[in-house]
């Protein structure tokens, strides 16, 4: 694993403070997480600043995640008394379930408003989550038009703003927030290869190398097929991890003059392949051992 990855720009500390200050304006919290890393993409500091409001975990990017694992995670959250909804904001899937769950959780709030004569009061939701978890895409999907700035780079949203949909729903978009200590090295790796941490603050070669080893542990057949690698016990299988990494790079044409392998180019290609699900639909963490993924962290 690479050295500890820490990326906590100043605006993220301000955003955490802003979340606490603005809770009085909202009814429910939408905590967007990356369905591929349901544990590592939850900000533990939110538990301290958002304790008195209903919260729904929006498992966004579910179209990129292992569908079976997503269902397991939803069952896991339910067993913990936590509301969770699988969502593919890009293709507007899961939104109806999210809205229905929201109104059920806020039923008493609306009944009190109705008793005071406030008919047609909008539901107000704060959308929070780590960078690149799809917050802005979710807001655009719920509003059925492009309101929030979206992008595949973390740190796009810097200030909070309100967005109104056409269905009595108002959304407060908060900046994507990480936390000072990003947990285990495995969690740091998961956050990096899914795009929550900017690739320009890490060693791309090291991260892609470690990412390949992680996928070989969890989804070996998908990895071998994508990069045309021989499987264990097959002819041509390469025992050494690093040599296998170089072999994958060669087969993708990442060659410099003189036949040397362009490791950085392949590293970027591998990370792009993962983020776009070209390797396959992958979930890196399991609810059976959420604190460290599917197996113990390896040094």
C-alpha atoms as a PDB file:
ATOM      1  CA  UNK A   1       0.000   0.000   0.000  1.00  0.00           C
ATOM      2  CA  UNK A   2       1.189   3.599  -0.601  1.00  0.00           C
ATOM      3  CA  UNK A   3       2.053   6.052   2.153  1.00  0.00           C
ATOM      4  CA  UNK A   4      -0.894   7.578   4.001  1.00  0.00           C
ATOM      5  CA  UNK A   5      -3.074   9.688   1.679  1.00  0.00           C
ATOM      6  CA  UNK A   6      -4.360  12.870   3.304  1.00  0.00           C
ATOM      7  CA  UNK A   7      -6.287  15.459   1.281  1.00  0.00           C
ATOM      8  CA  UNK A   8      -8.273  17.951   3.354  1.00  0.00           C
ATOM      9  CA  UNK A   9      -8.385  21.415   1.741  1.00  0.00           C
ATOM     10  CA  UNK A  10      -9.438  24.349   3.909  1.00  0.00           C
ATOM     11  CA  UNK A  11     -12.862  24.675   2.297  1.00  0.00           C
ATOM     12  CA  UNK A  12     -13.741  21.193   3.579  1.00  0.00           C
ATOM     13  CA  UNK A  13     -13.348  22.232   7.216  1.00  0.00           C
ATOM     14  CA  UNK A  14     -15.602  25.226   6.551  1.00  0.00           C
ATOM     15  CA  UNK A  15     -18.150  22.952   4.884  1.00  0.00           C
ATOM     16  CA  UNK A  16     -18.330  20.695   7.939  1.00  0.00           C
ATOM     17  CA  UNK A  17     -19.053  23.730  10.089  1.00  0.00           C
ATOM     18  CA  UNK A  18     -21.666  24.952   7.599  1.00  0.00           C
ATOM     19  CA  UNK A  19     -23.513  21.619   7.720  1.00  0.00           C
ATOM     20  CA  UNK A  20     -24.026  21.990  11.454  1.00  0.00           C
ATOM     21  CA  UNK A  21     -25.117  25.632  11.153  1.00  0.00           C
ATOM     22  CA  UNK A  22     -27.719  24.981   8.437  1.00  0.00           C
ATOM     23  CA  UNK A  23     -29.483  21.946   9.887  1.00  0.00           C
ATOM     24  CA  UNK A  24     -32.279  24.155  11.226  1.00  0.00           C
ATOM     25  CA  UNK A  25     -33.370  24.922   7.650  1.00  0.00           C
ATOM     26  CA  UNK A  26     -33.896  21.330   6.502  1.00  0.00           C
ATOM     27  CA  UNK A  27     -36.119  18.308   7.195  1.00  0.00           C
ATOM     28  CA  UNK A  28     -33.983  15.392   6.060  1.00  0.00           C
ATOM     29  CA  UNK A  29     -30.372  14.672   5.097  1.00  0.00           C
ATOM     30  CA  UNK A  30     -29.433  12.839   1.905  1.00  0.00           C
ATOM     31  CA  UNK A  31     -26.008  11.333   2.541  1.00  0.00           C
ATOM     32  CA  UNK A  32     -24.660  10.344  -0.859  1.00  0.00           C
ATOM     33  CA  UNK A  33     -22.104   7.573  -0.852  1.00  0.00           C
ATOM     34  CA  UNK A  34     -20.340   5.671  -3.598  1.00  0.00           C
ATOM     35  CA  UNK A  35     -22.053   2.267  -3.870  1.00  0.00           C
ATOM     36  CA  UNK A  36     -18.688   0.710  -4.771  1.00  0.00           C
ATOM     37  CA  UNK A  37     -17.238   1.646  -1.365  1.00  0.00           C
ATOM     38  CA  UNK A  38     -20.188   1.880   1.061  1.00  0.00           C
ATOM     39  CA  UNK A  39     -18.003   1.987   4.162  1.00  0.00           C
ATOM     40  CA  UNK A  40     -15.082   4.156   3.065  1.00  0.00           C
ATOM     41  CA  UNK A  41     -17.289   6.754   1.365  1.00  0.00           C
ATOM     42  CA  UNK A  42     -19.215   7.568   4.557  1.00  0.00           C
ATOM     43  CA  UNK A  43     -17.814  10.571   6.401  1.00  0.00           C
ATOM     44  CA  UNK A  44     -17.628   9.648  10.125  1.00  0.00           C
ATOM     45  CA  UNK A  45     -17.717  13.308  11.128  1.00  0.00           C
ATOM     46  CA  UNK A  46     -21.282  13.619   9.839  1.00  0.00           C
ATOM     47  CA  UNK A  47     -22.415  11.491  12.786  1.00  0.00           C
ATOM     48  CA  UNK A  48     -21.235  14.238  15.100  1.00  0.00           C
ATOM     49  CA  UNK A  49     -22.708  17.249  13.289  1.00  0.00           C
ATOM     50  CA  UNK A  50     -25.989  15.780  12.000  1.00  0.00           C
ATOM     51  CA  UNK A  51     -27.483  13.823  14.887  1.00  0.00           C
ATOM     52  CA  UNK A  52     -30.948  15.372  15.196  1.00  0.00           C
ATOM     53  CA  UNK A  53     -32.272  15.025  11.644  1.00  0.00           C
ATOM     54  CA  UNK A  54     -33.590  11.998   9.705  1.00  0.00           C
ATOM     55  CA  UNK A  55     -30.959  10.719   7.313  1.00  0.00           C
ATOM     56  CA  UNK A  56     -31.131   8.569   4.173  1.00  0.00           C
ATOM     57  CA  UNK A  57     -28.031   6.946   2.739  1.00  0.00           C
ATOM     58  CA  UNK A  58     -28.169   7.336  -1.036  1.00  0.00           C
ATOM     59  CA  UNK A  59     -26.050   4.564  -2.538  1.00  0.00           C
ATOM     60  CA  UNK A  60     -25.253   6.478  -5.707  1.00  0.00           C
ATOM     61  CA  UNK A  61     -23.436   5.086  -8.753  1.00  0.00           C
ATOM     62  CA  UNK A  62     -25.173   1.769  -8.155  1.00  0.00           C
ATOM     63  CA  UNK A  63     -24.913   1.118 -11.900  1.00  0.00           C
ATOM     64  CA  UNK A  64     -21.123   0.788 -11.428  1.00  0.00           C
ATOM     65  CA  UNK A  65     -21.328  -1.436  -8.354  1.00  0.00           C
ATOM     66  CA  UNK A  66     -21.865  -5.168  -7.922  1.00  0.00           C
ATOM     67  CA  UNK A  67     -25.667  -5.473  -7.792  1.00  0.00           C
ATOM     68  CA  UNK A  68     -25.596  -8.407  -5.363  1.00  0.00           C
ATOM     69  CA  UNK A  69     -23.315  -6.523  -2.976  1.00  0.00           C
ATOM     70  CA  UNK A  70     -25.523  -3.425  -3.149  1.00  0.00           C
ATOM     71  CA  UNK A  71     -28.524  -5.485  -2.017  1.00  0.00           C
ATOM     72  CA  UNK A  72     -26.422  -6.947   0.803  1.00  0.00           C
ATOM     73  CA  UNK A  73     -25.442  -3.473   1.950  1.00  0.00           C
ATOM     74  CA  UNK A  74     -29.044  -2.237   1.945  1.00  0.00           C
ATOM     75  CA  UNK A  75     -30.011  -5.224   4.106  1.00  0.00           C
ATOM     76  CA  UNK A  76     -27.058  -4.501   6.378  1.00  0.00           C
ATOM     77  CA  UNK A  77     -28.125  -0.866   6.839  1.00  0.00           C
ATOM     78  CA  UNK A  78     -31.718  -1.948   7.471  1.00  0.00           C
ATOM     79  CA  UNK A  79     -30.515  -4.309  10.212  1.00  0.00           C
ATOM     80  CA  UNK A  80     -28.778  -1.304  11.791  1.00  0.00           C
ATOM     81  CA  UNK A  81     -31.951   0.791  11.662  1.00  0.00           C
ATOM     82  CA  UNK A  82     -30.550   2.949   8.844  1.00  0.00           C
ATOM     83  CA  UNK A  83     -32.525   3.922   5.758  1.00  0.00           C
ATOM     84  CA  UNK A  84     -30.636   3.308   2.494  1.00  0.00           C
ATOM     85  CA  UNK A  85     -31.661   3.565  -1.162  1.00  0.00           C
ATOM     86  CA  UNK A  86     -29.779   2.329  -4.237  1.00  0.00           C
ATOM     87  CA  UNK A  87     -29.593   5.098  -6.811  1.00  0.00           C
ATOM     88  CA  UNK A  88     -28.213   5.695 -10.281  1.00  0.00           C
ATOM     89  CA  UNK A  89     -28.598   9.455 -10.530  1.00  0.00           C
ATOM     90  CA  UNK A  90     -27.035   9.603 -13.989  1.00  0.00           C
ATOM     91  CA  UNK A  91     -29.870   7.504 -15.415  1.00  0.00           C
ATOM     92  CA  UNK A  92     -32.481   8.736 -12.874  1.00  0.00           C
ATOM     93  CA  UNK A  93     -33.040   5.345 -11.273  1.00  0.00           C
ATOM     94  CA  UNK A  94     -34.081   4.963  -7.646  1.00  0.00           C
ATOM     95  CA  UNK A  95     -35.399   8.525  -7.325  1.00  0.00           C
ATOM     96  CA  UNK A  96     -39.023   7.548  -6.678  1.00  0.00           C
ATOM     97  CA  UNK A  97     -37.999   5.284  -3.795  1.00  0.00           C
ATOM     98  CA  UNK A  98     -35.833   8.069  -2.389  1.00  0.00           C
ATOM     99  CA  UNK A  99     -38.717  10.573  -2.478  1.00  0.00           C
ATOM    100  CA  UNK A 100     -41.171   8.091  -0.964  1.00  0.00           C
ATOM    101  CA  UNK A 101     -38.780   7.261   1.879  1.00  0.00           C
ATOM    102  CA  UNK A 102     -38.195  10.970   2.492  1.00  0.00           C
ATOM    103  CA  UNK A 103     -41.879  11.795   2.896  1.00  0.00           C
ATOM    104  CA  UNK A 104     -42.412   8.779   5.157  1.00  0.00           C
ATOM    105  CA  UNK A 105     -39.598   9.903   7.454  1.00  0.00           C
ATOM    106  CA  UNK A 106     -40.928  13.473   7.551  1.00  0.00           C
ATOM    107  CA  UNK A 107     -44.606  12.554   7.931  1.00  0.00           C
ATOM    108  CA  UNK A 108     -44.958  14.111  11.391  1.00  0.00           C
ATOM    109  CA  UNK A 109     -43.278  17.325  10.230  1.00  0.00           C
ATOM    110  CA  UNK A 110     -45.814  17.738   7.440  1.00  0.00           C
ATOM    111  CA  UNK A 111     -48.721  16.881   9.703  1.00  0.00           C
ATOM    112  CA  UNK A 112     -47.655  19.633  12.095  1.00  0.00           C
ATOM    113  CA  UNK A 113     -47.315  22.070   9.193  1.00  0.00           C
ATOM    114  CA  UNK A 114     -50.757  21.099   7.900  1.00  0.00           C
ATOM    115  CA  UNK A 115     -52.293  21.658  11.346  1.00  0.00           C
ATOM    116  CA  UNK A 116     -50.900  25.208  11.237  1.00  0.00           C
ATOM    117  CA  UNK A 117     -52.441  25.805   7.811  1.00  0.00           C
ATOM    118  CA  UNK A 118     -49.186  25.440   5.857  1.00  0.00           C
ATOM    119  CA  UNK A 119     -50.505  23.414   2.929  1.00  0.00           C
ATOM    120  CA  UNK A 120     -48.087  22.565   0.139  1.00  0.00           C
ATOM    121  CA  UNK A 121     -44.988  23.119   2.242  1.00  0.00           C
ATOM    122  CA  UNK A 122     -41.942  21.770   0.336  1.00  0.00           C
ATOM    123  CA  UNK A 123     -39.727  19.032   1.706  1.00  0.00           C
ATOM    124  CA  UNK A 124     -36.276  20.460   2.355  1.00  0.00           C
ATOM    125  CA  UNK A 125     -33.304  18.114   2.065  1.00  0.00           C
ATOM    126  CA  UNK A 126     -29.612  18.753   2.606  1.00  0.00           C
ATOM    127  CA  UNK A 127     -27.417  16.803   0.191  1.00  0.00           C
ATOM    128  CA  UNK A 128     -24.061  15.912   1.725  1.00  0.00           C
ATOM    129  CA  UNK A 129     -21.311  13.448   0.940  1.00  0.00           C
ATOM    130  CA  UNK A 130     -17.688  12.996   0.028  1.00  0.00           C
ATOM    131  CA  UNK A 131     -16.233  14.500  -3.161  1.00  0.00           C
ATOM    132  CA  UNK A 132     -17.188  12.775  -6.402  1.00  0.00           C
ATOM    133  CA  UNK A 133     -20.030  10.800  -4.807  1.00  0.00           C
ATOM    134  CA  UNK A 134     -22.510  12.241  -7.305  1.00  0.00           C
ATOM    135  CA  UNK A 135     -24.239  14.858  -5.139  1.00  0.00           C
ATOM    136  CA  UNK A 136     -24.655  17.377  -7.937  1.00  0.00           C
ATOM    137  CA  UNK A 137     -25.806  14.702 -10.382  1.00  0.00           C
ATOM    138  CA  UNK A 138     -28.414  13.588  -7.848  1.00  0.00           C
ATOM    139  CA  UNK A 139     -29.689  17.149  -7.449  1.00  0.00           C
ATOM    140  CA  UNK A 140     -29.930  17.642 -11.197  1.00  0.00           C
ATOM    141  CA  UNK A 141     -31.822  14.351 -11.531  1.00  0.00           C
ATOM    142  CA  UNK A 142     -34.282  15.205  -8.741  1.00  0.00           C
ATOM    143  CA  UNK A 143     -34.888  18.658 -10.240  1.00  0.00           C
ATOM    144  CA  UNK A 144     -35.101  17.208 -13.759  1.00  0.00           C
ATOM    145  CA  UNK A 145     -32.820  19.898 -15.104  1.00  0.00           C
ATOM    146  CA  UNK A 146     -29.203  20.961 -14.835  1.00  0.00           C
ATOM    147  CA  UNK A 147     -28.806  23.201 -11.815  1.00  0.00           C
ATOM    148  CA  UNK A 148     -25.718  22.033  -9.967  1.00  0.00           C
ATOM    149  CA  UNK A 149     -22.262  21.949 -11.534  1.00  0.00           C
ATOM    150  CA  UNK A 150     -21.207  18.361 -12.150  1.00  0.00           C
ATOM    151  CA  UNK A 151     -17.886  16.796 -12.970  1.00  0.00           C
ATOM    152  CA  UNK A 152     -15.774  13.711 -12.396  1.00  0.00           C
ATOM    153  CA  UNK A 153     -13.166  15.596 -10.391  1.00  0.00           C
ATOM    154  CA  UNK A 154     -13.470  15.880  -6.604  1.00  0.00           C
ATOM    155  CA  UNK A 155     -13.973  19.306  -5.070  1.00  0.00           C
ATOM    156  CA  UNK A 156     -16.262  20.769  -7.759  1.00  0.00           C
ATOM    157  CA  UNK A 157     -18.902  22.197  -5.392  1.00  0.00           C
ATOM    158  CA  UNK A 158     -17.343  24.788  -3.071  1.00  0.00           C
ATOM    159  CA  UNK A 159     -20.321  26.670  -1.545  1.00  0.00           C
ATOM    160  CA  UNK A 160     -23.812  25.603  -0.489  1.00  0.00           C
ATOM    161  CA  UNK A 161     -26.790  26.568  -2.637  1.00  0.00           C
ATOM    162  CA  UNK A 162     -30.531  25.843  -2.869  1.00  0.00           C
ATOM    163  CA  UNK A 163     -32.160  24.034  -5.784  1.00  0.00           C
ATOM    164  CA  UNK A 164     -35.913  23.692  -6.284  1.00  0.00           C
ATOM    165  CA  UNK A 165     -37.563  20.837  -8.122  1.00  0.00           C
ATOM    166  CA  UNK A 166     -41.016  20.832  -9.692  1.00  0.00           C
ATOM    167  CA  UNK A 167     -42.387  18.429  -7.058  1.00  0.00           C
ATOM    168  CA  UNK A 168     -42.386  20.338  -3.757  1.00  0.00           C
ATOM    169  CA  UNK A 169     -38.786  19.446  -3.056  1.00  0.00           C
ATOM    170  CA  UNK A 170     -36.026  21.895  -2.148  1.00  0.00           C
ATOM    171  CA  UNK A 171     -32.442  20.719  -2.003  1.00  0.00           C
ATOM    172  CA  UNK A 172     -29.491  22.301  -0.266  1.00  0.00           C
ATOM    173  CA  UNK A 173     -26.274  21.337  -2.053  1.00  0.00           C
ATOM    174  CA  UNK A 174     -23.256  21.248   0.245  1.00  0.00           C
ATOM    175  CA  UNK A 175     -19.599  20.932  -0.838  1.00  0.00           C
ATOM    176  CA  UNK A 176     -18.112  17.446  -0.920  1.00  0.00           C
ATOM    177  CA  UNK A 177     -16.332  16.825   2.361  1.00  0.00           C
ATOM    178  CA  UNK A 178     -13.617  14.378   3.340  1.00  0.00           C
ATOM    179  CA  UNK A 179     -12.125  14.235   6.823  1.00  0.00           C
ATOM    180  CA  UNK A 180      -8.590  14.817   8.150  1.00  0.00           C
ATOM    181  CA  UNK A 181      -7.773  11.148   8.813  1.00  0.00           C
ATOM    182  CA  UNK A 182      -8.929   8.938   5.939  1.00  0.00           C
ATOM    183  CA  UNK A 183      -8.767   5.700   7.902  1.00  0.00           C
ATOM    184  CA  UNK A 184      -6.885   2.538   6.970  1.00  0.00           C
ATOM    185  CA  UNK A 185      -4.595   2.369   3.978  1.00  0.00           C
ATOM    186  CA  UNK A 186      -7.129   0.101   2.337  1.00  0.00           C
ATOM    187  CA  UNK A 187      -9.843   2.734   2.768  1.00  0.00           C
ATOM    188  CA  UNK A 188      -7.472   5.373   1.404  1.00  0.00           C
ATOM    189  CA  UNK A 189      -6.853   3.180  -1.638  1.00  0.00           C
ATOM    190  CA  UNK A 190     -10.599   2.680  -2.164  1.00  0.00           C
ATOM    191  CA  UNK A 191     -11.234   6.422  -1.946  1.00  0.00           C
ATOM    192  CA  UNK A 192      -8.453   7.125  -4.434  1.00  0.00           C
ATOM    193  CA  UNK A 193      -9.268   4.597  -7.155  1.00  0.00           C
ATOM    194  CA  UNK A 194     -12.956   5.604  -7.100  1.00  0.00           C
ATOM    195  CA  UNK A 195     -12.023   9.278  -7.541  1.00  0.00           C
ATOM    196  CA  UNK A 196     -12.823  10.831  -4.148  1.00  0.00           C
ATOM    197  CA  UNK A 197      -9.174  11.866  -3.788  1.00  0.00           C
ATOM    198  CA  UNK A 198      -7.594  13.788  -6.636  1.00  0.00           C
ATOM    199  CA  UNK A 199      -5.180  11.648  -8.633  1.00  0.00           C
ATOM    200  CA  UNK A 200      -2.679  14.506  -8.838  1.00  0.00           C
ATOM    201  CA  UNK A 201      -1.940  14.254  -5.095  1.00  0.00           C
ATOM    202  CA  UNK A 202      -0.996  10.568  -5.190  1.00  0.00           C
ATOM    203  CA  UNK A 203       1.504   8.299  -6.917  1.00  0.00           C
ATOM    204  CA  UNK A 204      -0.627   7.050  -9.812  1.00  0.00           C
ATOM    205  CA  UNK A 205       1.632   4.068 -10.508  1.00  0.00           C
ATOM    206  CA  UNK A 206       1.594   2.901  -6.893  1.00  0.00           C
ATOM    207  CA  UNK A 207      -2.159   3.395  -6.558  1.00  0.00           C
ATOM    208  CA  UNK A 208      -2.916   1.526  -9.784  1.00  0.00           C
ATOM    209  CA  UNK A 209      -0.536  -1.286  -8.802  1.00  0.00           C
ATOM    210  CA  UNK A 210      -2.228  -1.650  -5.417  1.00  0.00           C
ATOM    211  CA  UNK A 211      -5.620  -1.324  -7.082  1.00  0.00           C
ATOM    212  CA  UNK A 212      -4.826  -4.197  -9.427  1.00  0.00           C
ATOM    213  CA  UNK A 213      -3.823  -6.383  -6.498  1.00  0.00           C
ATOM    214  CA  UNK A 214      -7.073  -5.526  -4.719  1.00  0.00           C
ATOM    215  CA  UNK A 215      -9.162  -6.438  -7.762  1.00  0.00           C
ATOM    216  CA  UNK A 216      -7.204  -9.649  -8.195  1.00  0.00           C
ATOM    217  CA  UNK A 217      -8.237 -10.532  -4.643  1.00  0.00           C
ATOM    218  CA  UNK A 218     -11.911  -9.654  -5.121  1.00  0.00           C
ATOM    219  CA  UNK A 219     -12.768 -10.047  -8.835  1.00  0.00           C
ATOM    220  CA  UNK A 220      -9.876 -11.949 -10.433  1.00  0.00           C
ATOM    221  CA  UNK A 221     -11.784 -13.202 -13.480  1.00  0.00           C
ATOM    222  CA  UNK A 222     -12.928  -9.700 -14.444  1.00  0.00           C
ATOM    223  CA  UNK A 223      -9.376  -8.393 -14.098  1.00  0.00           C
ATOM    224  CA  UNK A 224      -7.755 -11.207 -16.082  1.00  0.00           C
ATOM    225  CA  UNK A 225     -10.312 -10.899 -18.863  1.00  0.00           C
ATOM    226  CA  UNK A 226      -9.993  -7.117 -19.179  1.00  0.00           C
ATOM    227  CA  UNK A 227      -6.184  -7.179 -19.429  1.00  0.00           C
ATOM    228  CA  UNK A 228      -5.840 -10.556 -21.147  1.00  0.00           C
ATOM    229  CA  UNK A 229      -3.799 -12.052 -18.318  1.00  0.00           C
ATOM    230  CA  UNK A 230      -3.288 -15.777 -17.847  1.00  0.00           C
ATOM    231  CA  UNK A 231      -4.994 -17.144 -14.737  1.00  0.00           C
ATOM    232  CA  UNK A 232      -3.248 -19.151 -12.010  1.00  0.00           C
ATOM    233  CA  UNK A 233      -2.586 -22.750 -13.108  1.00  0.00           C
ATOM    234  CA  UNK A 234      -2.854 -21.688 -16.757  1.00  0.00           C
ATOM    235  CA  UNK A 235       0.060 -21.661 -19.156  1.00  0.00           C
ATOM    236  CA  UNK A 236       1.747 -18.264 -19.210  1.00  0.00           C
ATOM    237  CA  UNK A 237       0.648 -17.218 -15.728  1.00  0.00           C
ATOM    238  CA  UNK A 238       3.161 -14.811 -14.158  1.00  0.00           C
ATOM    239  CA  UNK A 239       3.732 -15.386 -10.446  1.00  0.00           C
ATOM    240  CA  UNK A 240       5.308 -12.039  -9.573  1.00  0.00           C
ATOM    241  CA  UNK A 241       2.761  -9.259  -8.865  1.00  0.00           C
ATOM    242  CA  UNK A 242       4.859  -6.477 -10.352  1.00  0.00           C
ATOM    243  CA  UNK A 243       5.733  -8.430 -13.490  1.00  0.00           C
ATOM    244  CA  UNK A 244       2.046  -9.207 -13.920  1.00  0.00           C
ATOM    245  CA  UNK A 245       1.315  -5.472 -13.657  1.00  0.00           C
ATOM    246  CA  UNK A 246       3.909  -4.793 -16.387  1.00  0.00           C
ATOM    247  CA  UNK A 247       2.456  -7.564 -18.547  1.00  0.00           C
ATOM    248  CA  UNK A 248      -0.979  -5.938 -18.375  1.00  0.00           C
ATOM    249  CA  UNK A 249       0.575  -2.608 -19.389  1.00  0.00           C
ATOM    250  CA  UNK A 250       2.300  -4.166 -22.394  1.00  0.00           C
ATOM    251  CA  UNK A 251      -0.892  -5.840 -23.551  1.00  0.00           C
ATOM    252  CA  UNK A 252      -2.616  -2.445 -23.467  1.00  0.00           C
ATOM    253  CA  UNK A 253       0.108  -0.945 -25.618  1.00  0.00           C
ATOM    254  CA  UNK A 254       1.669   1.251 -22.921  1.00  0.00           C
ATOM    255  CA  UNK A 255       5.194   1.083 -24.332  1.00  0.00           C
ATOM    256  CA  UNK A 256       7.913   3.736 -24.423  1.00  0.00           C
ATOM    257  CA  UNK A 257      10.811   3.959 -26.862  1.00  0.00           C
ATOM    258  CA  UNK A 258      13.213   1.089 -26.457  1.00  0.00           C
ATOM    259  CA  UNK A 259      10.441  -1.239 -25.343  1.00  0.00           C
ATOM    260  CA  UNK A 260      10.205   0.113 -21.805  1.00  0.00           C
ATOM    261  CA  UNK A 261       6.804  -0.013 -20.142  1.00  0.00           C
ATOM    262  CA  UNK A 262       5.044   3.318 -19.641  1.00  0.00           C
ATOM    263  CA  UNK A 263       3.844   2.623 -16.118  1.00  0.00           C
ATOM    264  CA  UNK A 264       2.291   6.045 -15.548  1.00  0.00           C
ATOM    265  CA  UNK A 265       0.246   5.851 -18.730  1.00  0.00           C
ATOM    266  CA  UNK A 266      -1.021   2.408 -17.784  1.00  0.00           C
ATOM    267  CA  UNK A 267      -1.736   3.576 -14.238  1.00  0.00           C
ATOM    268  CA  UNK A 268      -3.996   6.325 -15.551  1.00  0.00           C
ATOM    269  CA  UNK A 269      -5.616   3.905 -18.007  1.00  0.00           C
ATOM    270  CA  UNK A 270      -6.312   1.395 -15.228  1.00  0.00           C
ATOM    271  CA  UNK A 271      -7.905   4.041 -12.993  1.00  0.00           C
ATOM    272  CA  UNK A 272     -10.045   5.282 -15.898  1.00  0.00           C
ATOM    273  CA  UNK A 273     -11.098   1.699 -16.658  1.00  0.00           C
ATOM    274  CA  UNK A 274     -12.158   1.174 -13.065  1.00  0.00           C
ATOM    275  CA  UNK A 275     -14.095   4.435 -12.738  1.00  0.00           C
ATOM    276  CA  UNK A 276     -15.969   3.778 -15.985  1.00  0.00           C
ATOM    277  CA  UNK A 277     -16.745   0.139 -15.012  1.00  0.00           C
ATOM    278  CA  UNK A 278     -14.956  -1.124 -18.108  1.00  0.00           C
ATOM    279  CA  UNK A 279     -13.447  -3.854 -15.939  1.00  0.00           C
ATOM    280  CA  UNK A 280     -16.924  -4.714 -14.661  1.00  0.00           C
ATOM    281  CA  UNK A 281     -19.403  -3.826 -11.932  1.00  0.00           C
ATOM    282  CA  UNK A 282     -17.306  -3.943  -8.797  1.00  0.00           C
ATOM    283  CA  UNK A 283     -17.846  -3.336  -5.079  1.00  0.00           C
ATOM    284  CA  UNK A 284     -14.682  -3.144  -3.008  1.00  0.00           C
ATOM    285  CA  UNK A 285     -16.208  -3.568   0.458  1.00  0.00           C
ATOM    286  CA  UNK A 286     -18.485  -6.148   2.034  1.00  0.00           C
ATOM    287  CA  UNK A 287     -21.039  -5.700   4.840  1.00  0.00           C
ATOM    288  CA  UNK A 288     -19.742  -8.902   6.429  1.00  0.00           C
ATOM    289  CA  UNK A 289     -16.619  -6.946   7.376  1.00  0.00           C
ATOM    290  CA  UNK A 290     -17.401  -3.281   6.602  1.00  0.00           C
ATOM    291  CA  UNK A 291     -14.524  -1.765   8.535  1.00  0.00           C
ATOM    292  CA  UNK A 292     -11.851  -3.250   6.268  1.00  0.00           C
ATOM    293  CA  UNK A 293     -13.521  -4.550   3.145  1.00  0.00           C
ATOM    294  CA  UNK A 294     -13.681  -8.221   2.273  1.00  0.00           C
ATOM    295  CA  UNK A 295     -10.431  -9.373   3.802  1.00  0.00           C
ATOM    296  CA  UNK A 296      -7.900  -8.153   6.310  1.00  0.00           C
ATOM    297  CA  UNK A 297      -5.702  -5.306   5.171  1.00  0.00           C
ATOM    298  CA  UNK A 298      -2.364  -6.540   3.852  1.00  0.00           C
ATOM    299  CA  UNK A 299       0.884  -4.700   4.348  1.00  0.00           C
END
